């Protein structure tokens, strides 16, 4: 077998947005730009879809007015990344993002089942590199919430960064977002 690596092209966020403007992707294509690569997003079964809606409802209640809770919409993290996290919380209102996607979310949430390792390692490293202060994974496989905080440089991580703090919370626990510390969300409210 030939062990020569397959050549690939890295995409800049500006190029990716141009492809979107040219309608290169079909409606319903589940593509996002992660670290310069076009990545197919995890398929959604019913539990995945329900968990996204539960997180959206809980975060809207926790943050209230003055915050935009975005579901599966792009965030512009850097020149080579425009992921579409399952839920993102950003300051402001929808019209604040009319000319460009948000760049500084205060909280990102991914719901994971089949691609749990990808969300932990790759997305976690990408979000840490962007210095997202609060990253949650609704882990459907183990029925828990993984809360990642405190991004730090880490040479062995896929994007050179990782979160230094990890808390695993079960259904009987509660969590408070860093940007809404008075809010208390029961983890059971996030699990389908």
N, C-alpha and C. Protein backbone atom coordinates (compact mmCIF):
# COMPACT_ATOMS: atom_id res chain seq x y z
N UNK A 1 0.82 -1.18 0.00
CA UNK A 1 0.00 0.00 0.00
C UNK A 1 0.87 1.24 0.00
N UNK A 2 0.40 2.25 -0.70
CA UNK A 2 1.09 3.53 -0.76
C UNK A 2 0.79 4.32 0.50
N UNK A 3 1.83 4.71 1.23
CA UNK A 3 1.66 5.46 2.48
C UNK A 3 1.76 6.97 2.27
N UNK A 4 1.79 7.39 1.01
CA UNK A 4 1.87 8.82 0.72
C UNK A 4 0.59 9.50 1.18
N UNK A 5 0.71 10.60 1.94
CA UNK A 5 -0.50 11.27 2.40
C UNK A 5 -1.29 11.85 1.22
N UNK A 6 -2.60 11.86 1.37
CA UNK A 6 -3.46 12.43 0.34
C UNK A 6 -3.41 13.94 0.47
N UNK A 7 -3.11 14.65 -0.62
CA UNK A 7 -3.07 16.11 -0.53
C UNK A 7 -4.48 16.66 -0.30
N UNK A 8 -4.56 17.64 0.56
CA UNK A 8 -5.83 18.28 0.85
C UNK A 8 -5.64 19.79 0.75
N UNK A 9 -6.74 20.51 0.67
CA UNK A 9 -6.69 21.97 0.64
C UNK A 9 -7.26 22.49 1.95
N UNK A 10 -6.56 23.42 2.55
CA UNK A 10 -7.07 24.10 3.73
C UNK A 10 -7.85 25.33 3.25
N UNK A 11 -9.00 25.55 3.88
CA UNK A 11 -9.88 26.64 3.48
C UNK A 11 -9.82 27.77 4.50
N UNK A 12 -9.79 28.97 4.02
CA UNK A 12 -9.92 30.14 4.87
C UNK A 12 -11.41 30.42 5.07
N UNK A 13 -11.74 31.09 6.15
CA UNK A 13 -13.14 31.40 6.41
C UNK A 13 -13.73 32.26 5.30
N UNK A 14 -12.96 33.19 4.75
CA UNK A 14 -13.45 34.04 3.66
C UNK A 14 -13.78 33.19 2.42
N UNK A 15 -12.95 32.19 2.13
CA UNK A 15 -13.22 31.30 0.99
C UNK A 15 -14.48 30.47 1.24
N UNK A 16 -14.62 29.97 2.45
CA UNK A 16 -15.79 29.18 2.83
C UNK A 16 -17.06 30.00 2.68
N UNK A 17 -17.04 31.23 3.17
CA UNK A 17 -18.22 32.10 3.05
C UNK A 17 -18.53 32.41 1.59
N UNK A 18 -17.50 32.50 0.76
CA UNK A 18 -17.72 32.72 -0.68
C UNK A 18 -18.41 31.50 -1.30
N UNK A 19 -18.00 30.30 -0.90
CA UNK A 19 -18.66 29.08 -1.39
C UNK A 19 -20.14 29.08 -1.01
N UNK A 20 -20.43 29.54 0.20
CA UNK A 20 -21.82 29.62 0.65
C UNK A 20 -22.58 30.62 -0.20
N UNK A 21 -21.97 31.80 -0.44
CA UNK A 21 -22.61 32.83 -1.27
C UNK A 21 -22.89 32.34 -2.69
N UNK A 22 -22.01 31.48 -3.20
CA UNK A 22 -22.17 30.94 -4.56
C UNK A 22 -23.12 29.74 -4.60
N UNK A 23 -23.69 29.37 -3.47
CA UNK A 23 -24.61 28.24 -3.36
C UNK A 23 -23.98 26.92 -3.81
N UNK A 24 -22.69 26.74 -3.45
CA UNK A 24 -22.00 25.50 -3.77
C UNK A 24 -22.59 24.34 -2.97
N UNK A 25 -23.00 24.62 -1.74
CA UNK A 25 -23.58 23.59 -0.89
C UNK A 25 -25.08 23.58 -1.09
N UNK A 26 -25.65 22.41 -0.98
CA UNK A 26 -27.10 22.24 -1.13
C UNK A 26 -27.79 22.51 0.19
N UNK A 27 -29.06 22.96 0.14
CA UNK A 27 -29.80 23.10 1.40
C UNK A 27 -29.81 21.77 2.15
N UNK A 28 -29.55 21.86 3.42
CA UNK A 28 -29.51 20.64 4.22
C UNK A 28 -28.13 20.01 4.32
N UNK A 29 -27.15 20.47 3.52
CA UNK A 29 -25.79 19.97 3.68
C UNK A 29 -25.32 20.33 5.08
N UNK A 30 -24.81 19.37 5.78
CA UNK A 30 -24.39 19.58 7.16
C UNK A 30 -22.87 19.72 7.19
N UNK A 31 -22.42 20.89 6.73
CA UNK A 31 -20.99 21.17 6.61
C UNK A 31 -20.63 22.33 7.53
N UNK A 32 -19.44 22.27 8.12
CA UNK A 32 -18.93 23.41 8.87
C UNK A 32 -17.42 23.47 8.66
N UNK A 33 -16.85 24.65 8.86
CA UNK A 33 -15.41 24.85 8.70
C UNK A 33 -14.75 24.77 10.06
N UNK A 34 -13.88 23.77 10.23
CA UNK A 34 -13.20 23.53 11.49
C UNK A 34 -11.70 23.46 11.22
N UNK A 35 -10.98 24.46 11.68
CA UNK A 35 -9.53 24.46 11.51
C UNK A 35 -9.09 24.35 10.07
N UNK A 36 -9.81 25.01 9.15
CA UNK A 36 -9.44 25.01 7.74
C UNK A 36 -9.94 23.82 6.95
N UNK A 37 -10.67 22.91 7.59
CA UNK A 37 -11.18 21.73 6.91
C UNK A 37 -12.71 21.76 6.89
N UNK A 38 -13.28 21.34 5.78
CA UNK A 38 -14.73 21.20 5.68
C UNK A 38 -15.10 19.87 6.33
N UNK A 39 -15.91 19.95 7.37
CA UNK A 39 -16.24 18.78 8.17
C UNK A 39 -17.75 18.54 8.10
N UNK A 40 -18.13 17.28 7.94
CA UNK A 40 -19.54 16.91 7.97
C UNK A 40 -19.96 16.81 9.42
N UNK A 41 -21.04 17.51 9.76
CA UNK A 41 -21.52 17.51 11.14
C UNK A 41 -22.22 16.20 11.48
N UNK A 42 -22.29 15.93 12.78
CA UNK A 42 -22.90 14.69 13.28
C UNK A 42 -24.37 14.64 12.88
N UNK A 43 -24.84 13.50 12.37
CA UNK A 43 -26.26 13.35 12.08
C UNK A 43 -27.07 13.45 13.37
N UNK A 44 -28.31 13.89 13.24
CA UNK A 44 -29.15 14.07 14.42
C UNK A 44 -30.25 13.02 14.48
N UNK A 45 -30.17 12.17 15.48
CA UNK A 45 -31.30 11.32 15.79
C UNK A 45 -32.24 12.11 16.69
N UNK A 46 -33.34 11.51 17.06
CA UNK A 46 -34.32 12.20 17.90
C UNK A 46 -33.75 12.67 19.24
N UNK A 47 -33.00 11.82 19.98
CA UNK A 47 -32.45 12.30 21.26
C UNK A 47 -31.53 13.51 21.08
N UNK A 48 -30.74 13.51 20.00
CA UNK A 48 -29.84 14.63 19.72
C UNK A 48 -30.66 15.91 19.51
N UNK A 49 -31.68 15.83 18.68
CA UNK A 49 -32.51 16.99 18.39
C UNK A 49 -33.22 17.48 19.65
N UNK A 50 -33.72 16.56 20.46
CA UNK A 50 -34.41 16.94 21.69
C UNK A 50 -33.42 17.63 22.64
N UNK A 51 -32.21 17.11 22.76
CA UNK A 51 -31.21 17.70 23.65
C UNK A 51 -30.85 19.13 23.22
N UNK A 52 -30.79 19.37 21.93
CA UNK A 52 -30.52 20.73 21.44
C UNK A 52 -31.64 21.67 21.89
N UNK A 53 -32.88 21.25 21.71
CA UNK A 53 -34.02 22.08 22.11
C UNK A 53 -34.05 22.30 23.62
N UNK A 54 -33.72 21.27 24.39
CA UNK A 54 -33.69 21.41 25.84
C UNK A 54 -32.61 22.41 26.27
N UNK A 55 -31.43 22.32 25.66
CA UNK A 55 -30.36 23.27 25.98
C UNK A 55 -30.76 24.69 25.59
N UNK A 56 -31.37 24.84 24.43
CA UNK A 56 -31.83 26.16 23.99
C UNK A 56 -32.81 26.75 25.01
N UNK A 57 -33.81 25.99 25.40
CA UNK A 57 -34.81 26.48 26.36
C UNK A 57 -34.17 26.85 27.70
N UNK A 58 -33.31 25.97 28.20
CA UNK A 58 -32.68 26.22 29.50
C UNK A 58 -31.79 27.45 29.46
N UNK A 59 -31.06 27.64 28.37
CA UNK A 59 -30.14 28.78 28.28
C UNK A 59 -30.88 30.08 28.05
N UNK A 60 -31.96 30.06 27.30
CA UNK A 60 -32.77 31.28 27.15
C UNK A 60 -33.32 31.73 28.51
N UNK A 61 -33.79 30.79 29.31
CA UNK A 61 -34.30 31.12 30.63
C UNK A 61 -33.18 31.60 31.55
N UNK A 62 -32.01 30.98 31.46
CA UNK A 62 -30.89 31.34 32.34
C UNK A 62 -30.32 32.72 32.02
N UNK A 63 -30.22 33.05 30.74
CA UNK A 63 -29.57 34.30 30.34
C UNK A 63 -30.53 35.47 30.23
N UNK A 64 -31.74 35.25 29.76
CA UNK A 64 -32.72 36.33 29.65
C UNK A 64 -32.40 37.31 28.54
N UNK A 65 -32.98 38.51 28.64
CA UNK A 65 -32.82 39.51 27.58
C UNK A 65 -31.39 40.04 27.56
N UNK A 66 -31.00 40.52 26.41
CA UNK A 66 -29.65 41.02 26.23
C UNK A 66 -28.67 39.96 25.77
N UNK A 67 -29.18 38.75 25.57
CA UNK A 67 -28.36 37.63 25.13
C UNK A 67 -29.01 36.94 23.95
N UNK A 68 -28.21 36.57 22.99
CA UNK A 68 -28.65 35.85 21.80
C UNK A 68 -28.29 34.37 21.98
N UNK A 69 -29.31 33.51 22.04
CA UNK A 69 -29.10 32.07 22.12
C UNK A 69 -29.32 31.53 20.71
N UNK A 70 -28.24 31.10 20.08
CA UNK A 70 -28.25 30.70 18.67
C UNK A 70 -28.17 29.18 18.56
N UNK A 71 -29.02 28.61 17.73
CA UNK A 71 -29.05 27.16 17.56
C UNK A 71 -28.53 26.80 16.17
N UNK A 72 -27.45 26.05 16.14
CA UNK A 72 -26.83 25.55 14.92
C UNK A 72 -26.62 26.66 13.89
N UNK A 73 -26.11 27.78 14.37
CA UNK A 73 -25.77 28.90 13.50
C UNK A 73 -24.27 29.17 13.62
N UNK A 74 -23.68 29.73 12.56
CA UNK A 74 -22.22 29.90 12.55
C UNK A 74 -21.71 30.89 13.59
N UNK A 75 -20.51 30.60 14.07
CA UNK A 75 -19.72 31.55 14.83
C UNK A 75 -18.37 31.68 14.11
N UNK A 76 -17.89 32.90 14.00
CA UNK A 76 -16.63 33.18 13.28
C UNK A 76 -15.50 33.21 14.31
N UNK A 77 -14.88 32.07 14.54
CA UNK A 77 -13.88 32.00 15.60
C UNK A 77 -12.54 32.60 15.20
N UNK A 78 -12.12 32.35 13.96
CA UNK A 78 -10.84 32.87 13.49
C UNK A 78 -10.82 32.79 11.97
N UNK A 79 -9.68 33.02 11.35
CA UNK A 79 -9.60 33.06 9.88
C UNK A 79 -9.81 31.71 9.21
N UNK A 80 -9.77 30.60 9.98
CA UNK A 80 -9.94 29.29 9.37
C UNK A 80 -11.03 28.45 10.02
N UNK A 81 -11.88 29.08 10.82
CA UNK A 81 -12.90 28.30 11.51
C UNK A 81 -14.22 29.06 11.59
N UNK A 82 -15.27 28.39 11.11
CA UNK A 82 -16.63 28.88 11.24
C UNK A 82 -17.54 27.70 11.57
N UNK A 83 -17.38 27.18 12.79
CA UNK A 83 -18.21 26.04 13.18
C UNK A 83 -19.64 26.47 13.42
N UNK A 84 -20.52 25.49 13.50
CA UNK A 84 -21.93 25.71 13.81
C UNK A 84 -22.28 24.87 15.02
N UNK A 85 -21.91 25.36 16.22
CA UNK A 85 -22.19 24.58 17.43
C UNK A 85 -23.69 24.38 17.59
N UNK A 86 -24.05 23.35 18.33
CA UNK A 86 -25.47 23.07 18.53
C UNK A 86 -26.16 24.26 19.19
N UNK A 87 -25.52 24.87 20.18
CA UNK A 87 -26.05 26.07 20.82
C UNK A 87 -24.88 27.00 21.14
N UNK A 88 -25.07 28.29 20.87
CA UNK A 88 -24.07 29.30 21.23
C UNK A 88 -24.80 30.45 21.93
N UNK A 89 -24.19 30.97 22.96
CA UNK A 89 -24.74 32.13 23.66
C UNK A 89 -23.79 33.30 23.43
N UNK A 90 -24.35 34.39 22.90
CA UNK A 90 -23.58 35.58 22.56
C UNK A 90 -24.29 36.81 23.11
N UNK A 91 -23.53 37.82 23.43
CA UNK A 91 -24.13 39.07 23.90
C UNK A 91 -24.92 39.71 22.78
N UNK A 92 -26.00 40.40 23.13
CA UNK A 92 -26.74 41.18 22.15
C UNK A 92 -28.04 40.55 21.70
N UNK A 93 -28.41 40.93 20.48
CA UNK A 93 -29.67 40.47 19.88
C UNK A 93 -29.40 40.04 18.44
N UNK A 94 -30.37 39.41 17.79
CA UNK A 94 -30.15 38.91 16.43
C UNK A 94 -29.63 39.98 15.46
N UNK A 95 -30.16 41.19 15.52
CA UNK A 95 -29.75 42.24 14.57
C UNK A 95 -28.30 42.69 14.76
N UNK A 96 -27.73 42.40 15.91
CA UNK A 96 -26.33 42.73 16.13
C UNK A 96 -25.41 41.92 15.21
N UNK A 97 -25.94 40.84 14.65
CA UNK A 97 -25.13 39.96 13.82
C UNK A 97 -25.60 39.96 12.36
N UNK A 98 -26.19 41.07 11.96
CA UNK A 98 -26.69 41.19 10.59
C UNK A 98 -25.57 41.22 9.56
N UNK A 99 -24.45 41.86 9.87
CA UNK A 99 -23.36 41.99 8.90
C UNK A 99 -22.26 40.96 9.07
N UNK A 100 -22.20 40.32 10.23
CA UNK A 100 -21.19 39.28 10.42
C UNK A 100 -21.61 38.36 11.57
N UNK A 101 -21.10 37.15 11.54
CA UNK A 101 -21.39 36.18 12.59
C UNK A 101 -20.68 36.60 13.88
N UNK A 102 -21.20 36.16 15.02
CA UNK A 102 -20.53 36.49 16.29
C UNK A 102 -19.13 35.90 16.35
N UNK A 103 -18.26 36.59 17.03
CA UNK A 103 -16.87 36.14 17.17
C UNK A 103 -16.51 35.80 18.60
N UNK A 104 -17.30 36.23 19.57
CA UNK A 104 -16.95 36.06 20.98
C UNK A 104 -18.09 35.43 21.79
N UNK A 105 -18.50 34.22 21.48
CA UNK A 105 -19.53 33.59 22.31
C UNK A 105 -19.03 33.41 23.74
N UNK A 106 -19.94 33.50 24.69
CA UNK A 106 -19.56 33.27 26.09
C UNK A 106 -19.75 31.82 26.50
N UNK A 107 -20.53 31.09 25.71
CA UNK A 107 -20.79 29.67 26.00
C UNK A 107 -21.10 28.96 24.69
N UNK A 108 -20.48 27.81 24.49
CA UNK A 108 -20.79 26.94 23.35
C UNK A 108 -21.21 25.59 23.91
N UNK A 109 -22.23 25.01 23.27
CA UNK A 109 -22.74 23.69 23.68
C UNK A 109 -22.77 22.79 22.45
N UNK A 110 -22.21 21.61 22.59
CA UNK A 110 -22.34 20.56 21.58
C UNK A 110 -23.09 19.40 22.21
N UNK A 111 -23.98 18.81 21.46
CA UNK A 111 -24.66 17.58 21.86
C UNK A 111 -23.96 16.46 21.11
N UNK A 112 -23.51 15.43 21.82
CA UNK A 112 -22.69 14.40 21.18
C UNK A 112 -23.14 13.01 21.58
N UNK A 113 -23.07 12.15 20.59
CA UNK A 113 -23.32 10.73 20.82
C UNK A 113 -22.29 9.93 20.03
N UNK A 114 -22.42 9.89 18.71
CA UNK A 114 -21.50 9.10 17.89
C UNK A 114 -20.16 9.80 17.68
N UNK A 115 -20.13 11.12 17.78
CA UNK A 115 -18.87 11.84 17.57
C UNK A 115 -18.38 12.52 18.84
N UNK A 116 -18.55 11.85 19.95
CA UNK A 116 -18.15 12.38 21.23
C UNK A 116 -16.65 12.69 21.26
N UNK A 117 -15.82 11.80 20.76
CA UNK A 117 -14.36 12.02 20.76
C UNK A 117 -13.99 13.25 19.94
N UNK A 118 -14.66 13.45 18.80
CA UNK A 118 -14.39 14.63 17.97
C UNK A 118 -14.75 15.90 18.72
N UNK A 119 -15.90 15.91 19.38
CA UNK A 119 -16.31 17.11 20.13
C UNK A 119 -15.40 17.36 21.32
N UNK A 120 -14.93 16.30 21.95
CA UNK A 120 -14.00 16.48 23.07
C UNK A 120 -12.64 16.98 22.60
N UNK A 121 -12.06 16.29 21.64
CA UNK A 121 -10.68 16.57 21.26
C UNK A 121 -10.55 17.71 20.26
N UNK A 122 -11.17 17.56 19.10
CA UNK A 122 -10.99 18.56 18.04
C UNK A 122 -11.74 19.85 18.32
N UNK A 123 -13.04 19.73 18.54
CA UNK A 123 -13.81 20.95 18.81
C UNK A 123 -13.35 21.57 20.13
N UNK A 124 -13.07 20.75 21.13
CA UNK A 124 -12.59 21.28 22.39
C UNK A 124 -11.31 22.08 22.21
N UNK A 125 -10.37 21.55 21.45
CA UNK A 125 -9.12 22.26 21.20
C UNK A 125 -9.36 23.54 20.39
N UNK A 126 -10.23 23.45 19.39
CA UNK A 126 -10.56 24.63 18.58
C UNK A 126 -11.20 25.72 19.44
N UNK A 127 -12.15 25.35 20.28
CA UNK A 127 -12.84 26.32 21.14
C UNK A 127 -11.89 26.89 22.20
N UNK A 128 -10.99 26.06 22.70
CA UNK A 128 -9.99 26.56 23.66
C UNK A 128 -9.06 27.56 22.97
N UNK A 129 -8.63 27.25 21.75
CA UNK A 129 -7.76 28.17 21.00
C UNK A 129 -8.46 29.52 20.80
N UNK A 130 -9.77 29.50 20.61
CA UNK A 130 -10.54 30.74 20.45
C UNK A 130 -10.82 31.40 21.80
N UNK A 131 -10.35 30.75 22.87
CA UNK A 131 -10.51 31.24 24.23
C UNK A 131 -11.97 31.41 24.65
N UNK A 132 -12.78 30.44 24.21
CA UNK A 132 -14.16 30.38 24.67
C UNK A 132 -14.10 30.03 26.15
N UNK A 133 -14.71 30.82 27.02
CA UNK A 133 -14.54 30.57 28.45
C UNK A 133 -15.31 29.36 28.99
N UNK A 134 -16.38 28.98 28.30
CA UNK A 134 -17.29 27.97 28.82
C UNK A 134 -17.73 27.07 27.66
N UNK A 135 -17.37 25.79 27.71
CA UNK A 135 -17.73 24.84 26.65
C UNK A 135 -18.36 23.62 27.31
N UNK A 136 -19.61 23.32 26.90
CA UNK A 136 -20.34 22.19 27.47
C UNK A 136 -20.59 21.15 26.38
N UNK A 137 -20.48 19.89 26.77
CA UNK A 137 -20.88 18.79 25.91
C UNK A 137 -22.00 18.03 26.61
N UNK A 138 -23.16 17.99 25.97
CA UNK A 138 -24.24 17.15 26.46
C UNK A 138 -23.93 15.76 25.92
N UNK A 139 -23.40 14.92 26.78
CA UNK A 139 -22.92 13.59 26.42
C UNK A 139 -24.10 12.62 26.51
N UNK A 140 -24.68 12.31 25.36
CA UNK A 140 -25.85 11.43 25.32
C UNK A 140 -25.47 9.98 25.62
N UNK A 141 -24.26 9.58 25.23
CA UNK A 141 -23.84 8.19 25.43
C UNK A 141 -23.77 7.83 26.91
N UNK A 142 -23.27 8.74 27.73
CA UNK A 142 -23.10 8.49 29.16
C UNK A 142 -24.11 9.24 30.03
N UNK A 143 -25.05 9.94 29.38
CA UNK A 143 -26.10 10.71 30.06
C UNK A 143 -25.52 11.63 31.12
N UNK A 144 -24.64 12.52 30.66
CA UNK A 144 -24.02 13.48 31.57
C UNK A 144 -23.70 14.76 30.82
N UNK A 145 -23.36 15.79 31.58
CA UNK A 145 -22.90 17.05 31.02
C UNK A 145 -21.42 17.18 31.34
N UNK A 146 -20.61 17.43 30.32
CA UNK A 146 -19.18 17.69 30.51
C UNK A 146 -18.97 19.19 30.37
N UNK A 147 -18.45 19.80 31.42
CA UNK A 147 -18.23 21.25 31.44
C UNK A 147 -16.73 21.49 31.37
N UNK A 148 -16.32 22.18 30.31
CA UNK A 148 -14.90 22.48 30.10
C UNK A 148 -14.70 23.98 30.22
N UNK A 149 -13.64 24.35 30.97
CA UNK A 149 -13.34 25.76 31.21
C UNK A 149 -11.83 25.96 31.31
N UNK A 150 -11.42 27.21 31.35
CA UNK A 150 -10.03 27.60 31.55
C UNK A 150 -9.12 27.13 30.40
N UNK A 151 -9.25 27.76 29.21
CA UNK A 151 -8.39 27.37 28.09
C UNK A 151 -6.93 27.73 28.33
N UNK A 152 -6.05 26.80 27.94
CA UNK A 152 -4.61 27.02 28.08
C UNK A 152 -3.89 26.45 26.84
N UNK A 153 -2.72 27.00 26.51
CA UNK A 153 -1.93 26.38 25.44
C UNK A 153 -1.52 24.97 25.85
N UNK A 154 -1.56 24.06 24.88
CA UNK A 154 -1.18 22.67 25.14
C UNK A 154 -0.69 22.09 23.82
N UNK A 155 0.58 21.89 23.74
CA UNK A 155 1.25 21.50 22.49
C UNK A 155 0.66 20.26 21.82
N UNK A 156 0.24 19.27 22.59
CA UNK A 156 -0.22 18.01 22.01
C UNK A 156 -1.68 18.02 21.58
N UNK A 157 -2.40 19.10 21.82
CA UNK A 157 -3.81 19.18 21.41
C UNK A 157 -3.88 19.47 19.90
N UNK A 158 -4.95 19.05 19.24
CA UNK A 158 -5.05 19.23 17.78
C UNK A 158 -4.81 20.66 17.30
N UNK A 159 -5.26 21.66 18.05
CA UNK A 159 -5.09 23.05 17.64
C UNK A 159 -4.21 23.82 18.62
N UNK A 160 -3.41 23.09 19.40
CA UNK A 160 -2.44 23.71 20.29
C UNK A 160 -3.00 24.28 21.58
N UNK A 161 -4.27 24.03 21.86
CA UNK A 161 -4.91 24.51 23.08
C UNK A 161 -5.84 23.43 23.61
N UNK A 162 -6.13 23.50 24.90
CA UNK A 162 -7.12 22.62 25.52
C UNK A 162 -7.71 23.34 26.73
N UNK A 163 -8.77 22.78 27.28
CA UNK A 163 -9.35 23.31 28.50
C UNK A 163 -8.68 22.60 29.68
N UNK A 164 -8.27 23.38 30.67
CA UNK A 164 -7.57 22.78 31.81
C UNK A 164 -8.52 22.27 32.89
N UNK A 165 -9.77 22.71 32.86
CA UNK A 165 -10.74 22.28 33.86
C UNK A 165 -11.86 21.49 33.20
N UNK A 166 -12.15 20.32 33.74
CA UNK A 166 -13.23 19.47 33.25
C UNK A 166 -14.04 19.00 34.45
N UNK A 167 -15.36 19.23 34.37
CA UNK A 167 -16.28 18.70 35.37
C UNK A 167 -17.29 17.83 34.65
N UNK A 168 -17.52 16.64 35.19
CA UNK A 168 -18.54 15.74 34.66
C UNK A 168 -19.70 15.76 35.63
N UNK A 169 -20.87 16.16 35.13
CA UNK A 169 -22.04 16.31 35.98
C UNK A 169 -23.14 15.34 35.56
N UNK A 170 -23.75 14.71 36.54
CA UNK A 170 -24.83 13.77 36.27
C UNK A 170 -26.19 14.44 36.39
N UNK A 171 -27.23 13.67 36.17
CA UNK A 171 -28.59 14.19 36.14
C UNK A 171 -29.02 14.83 37.46
N UNK A 172 -28.43 14.45 38.57
CA UNK A 172 -28.82 15.02 39.86
C UNK A 172 -28.05 16.30 40.19
N UNK A 173 -27.11 16.70 39.34
CA UNK A 173 -26.31 17.90 39.56
C UNK A 173 -26.94 19.12 38.89
N UNK A 174 -26.35 20.28 39.13
CA UNK A 174 -26.77 21.53 38.48
C UNK A 174 -25.51 22.26 38.03
N UNK A 175 -25.69 23.18 37.08
CA UNK A 175 -24.57 23.93 36.52
C UNK A 175 -24.98 25.39 36.38
N UNK A 176 -24.01 26.28 36.56
CA UNK A 176 -24.22 27.71 36.35
C UNK A 176 -23.27 28.18 35.27
N UNK A 177 -23.78 28.82 34.20
CA UNK A 177 -22.89 29.36 33.18
C UNK A 177 -21.98 30.44 33.78
N UNK A 178 -20.75 30.52 33.32
CA UNK A 178 -19.84 31.55 33.82
C UNK A 178 -20.40 32.95 33.59
N UNK A 179 -21.04 33.18 32.45
CA UNK A 179 -21.56 34.51 32.11
C UNK A 179 -22.91 34.80 32.76
N UNK A 180 -23.51 33.82 33.42
CA UNK A 180 -24.77 34.01 34.15
C UNK A 180 -24.68 33.23 35.46
N UNK A 181 -23.78 33.67 36.35
CA UNK A 181 -23.46 32.86 37.54
C UNK A 181 -24.62 32.68 38.51
N UNK A 182 -25.63 33.54 38.45
CA UNK A 182 -26.78 33.38 39.36
C UNK A 182 -27.77 32.33 38.87
N UNK A 183 -27.67 31.99 37.60
CA UNK A 183 -28.58 30.98 37.03
C UNK A 183 -28.11 29.60 37.48
N UNK A 184 -29.07 28.76 37.73
CA UNK A 184 -28.76 27.38 38.14
C UNK A 184 -29.61 26.46 37.28
N UNK A 185 -28.93 25.69 36.43
CA UNK A 185 -29.61 24.81 35.48
C UNK A 185 -29.44 23.37 35.94
N UNK A 186 -30.53 22.68 36.26
CA UNK A 186 -30.40 21.26 36.57
C UNK A 186 -29.94 20.49 35.32
N UNK A 187 -28.94 19.66 35.49
CA UNK A 187 -28.44 18.88 34.35
C UNK A 187 -29.54 18.02 33.78
N UNK A 188 -30.45 17.54 34.60
CA UNK A 188 -31.57 16.73 34.12
C UNK A 188 -32.39 17.49 33.08
N UNK A 189 -32.43 18.83 33.17
CA UNK A 189 -33.17 19.63 32.20
C UNK A 189 -32.50 19.63 30.82
N UNK A 190 -31.24 19.22 30.74
CA UNK A 190 -30.50 19.18 29.46
C UNK A 190 -30.49 17.80 28.82
N UNK A 191 -30.89 16.80 29.58
CA UNK A 191 -30.82 15.42 29.09
C UNK A 191 -32.20 14.96 28.59
N UNK A 192 -32.25 14.39 27.38
CA UNK A 192 -33.56 13.90 26.89
C UNK A 192 -34.02 12.68 27.65
